[in-house]
Structures are given as C-alpha cells and as structure tokens.
Amino acid sequence: MRKTNLFAFAAAALILAGVGGWVASTAQTSAAAPTEVRIDISYLTMNAKDLPTERFQDFTSVFVD
C-alpha cells in the first residue's frame, strides 16, 4: 500500500512539474508575428536557379495488345 501511494505521489509530482514547465516556457516565448515581413512569390519563382529536376520515363502512349 505504501509503495502504491509513493508511486502515485511521484507520478503526480512529475506531471505537475512537466505541466508547470510547459506553461512557464510558452508564456515567455509567445509573441505576435511581424506584419511587415512578406514573401514575394513572383520574385522567388522568376529568380529560381539550379533547381533539381525529376527524370522519369513517360509510358502514357504505350499500348499493350
């Protein structure tokens, strides 16, 4: 009986410590994202160079008798 109570108390203490640490870490790091930063998709697509190409065999016009 004592081992069970000790185990339950240790488990509860670990859970509370984990939840407390999670709450403390997320409360300080949450901040609003800057609204001035924009990604220009047209600039990225026009200036993309040396992108990897996919090579495959095209079997769309192969007819089997």
Protein backbone atom coordinates (compact mmCIF):
# COMPACT_ATOMS: atom_id res chain seq x y z
CA MET A 1 0.00 0.00 0.00
CA ARG A 2 2.80 2.41 0.84
CA LYS A 3 4.64 1.72 -2.42
CA THR A 4 1.48 2.41 -4.40
CA ASN A 5 0.90 5.71 -2.62
CA LEU A 6 4.53 6.71 -3.06
CA PHE A 7 4.37 5.85 -6.77
CA ALA A 8 1.12 7.81 -7.23
CA PHE A 9 2.59 10.82 -5.41
CA ALA A 10 5.79 10.71 -7.51
CA ALA A 11 3.79 10.40 -10.74
CA ALA A 12 1.56 13.33 -9.79
CA ALA A 13 4.58 15.45 -8.87
CA LEU A 14 6.27 14.70 -12.22
CA ILE A 15 3.11 15.52 -14.15
CA LEU A 16 2.66 18.81 -12.30
CA ALA A 17 6.31 19.74 -12.80
CA GLY A 18 6.05 18.98 -16.53
CA VAL A 19 2.87 21.00 -16.97
CA GLY A 20 4.32 23.86 -14.94
CA GLY A 21 7.47 23.92 -17.02
CA TRP A 22 5.48 23.83 -20.24
CA VAL A 23 3.27 26.73 -19.13
CA ALA A 24 6.26 28.77 -17.98
CA SER A 25 8.17 28.22 -21.22
CA THR A 26 5.30 29.06 -23.58
CA ALA A 27 4.20 32.18 -21.70
CA GLN A 28 7.52 33.96 -22.29
CA THR A 29 8.07 32.95 -25.91
CA SER A 30 4.66 33.81 -27.35
CA ALA A 31 4.83 36.98 -29.39
CA ALA A 32 2.95 38.37 -32.36
CA ALA A 33 4.47 37.79 -35.76
CA PRO A 34 5.70 40.92 -37.51
CA THR A 35 3.25 42.09 -40.15
CA GLU A 36 5.81 43.89 -42.33
CA VAL A 37 7.55 40.71 -43.50
CA ARG A 38 6.12 39.50 -46.80
CA ILE A 39 7.35 36.75 -49.08
CA ASP A 40 7.32 37.79 -52.72
CA ILE A 41 6.35 34.61 -54.57
CA SER A 42 6.80 36.09 -58.04
CA TYR A 43 10.37 37.14 -57.21
CA LEU A 44 11.16 33.66 -55.92
CA THR A 45 9.79 31.92 -58.99
CA MET A 46 11.44 34.25 -61.51
CA ASN A 47 14.88 34.05 -59.90
CA ALA A 48 14.99 30.34 -59.09
CA LYS A 49 18.16 28.76 -60.47
CA ASP A 50 19.76 25.31 -60.34
CA LEU A 51 16.67 23.57 -59.05
CA PRO A 52 16.71 19.78 -59.11
CA THR A 53 14.83 18.19 -61.98
CA GLU A 54 12.88 14.99 -61.83
CA ARG A 55 13.63 12.44 -64.52
CA PHE A 56 11.17 9.72 -65.36
CA GLN A 57 10.09 7.56 -68.30
CA ASP A 58 6.81 8.56 -69.88
CA PHE A 59 4.67 5.47 -70.55
CA THR A 60 1.44 7.32 -71.36
CA SER A 61 1.45 6.36 -75.04
CA VAL A 62 2.44 2.71 -74.64
CA PHE A 63 -0.25 0.38 -75.97
CA VAL A 64 -0.36 -3.27 -74.99
CA ASP A 65 -2.02 -5.80 -77.28
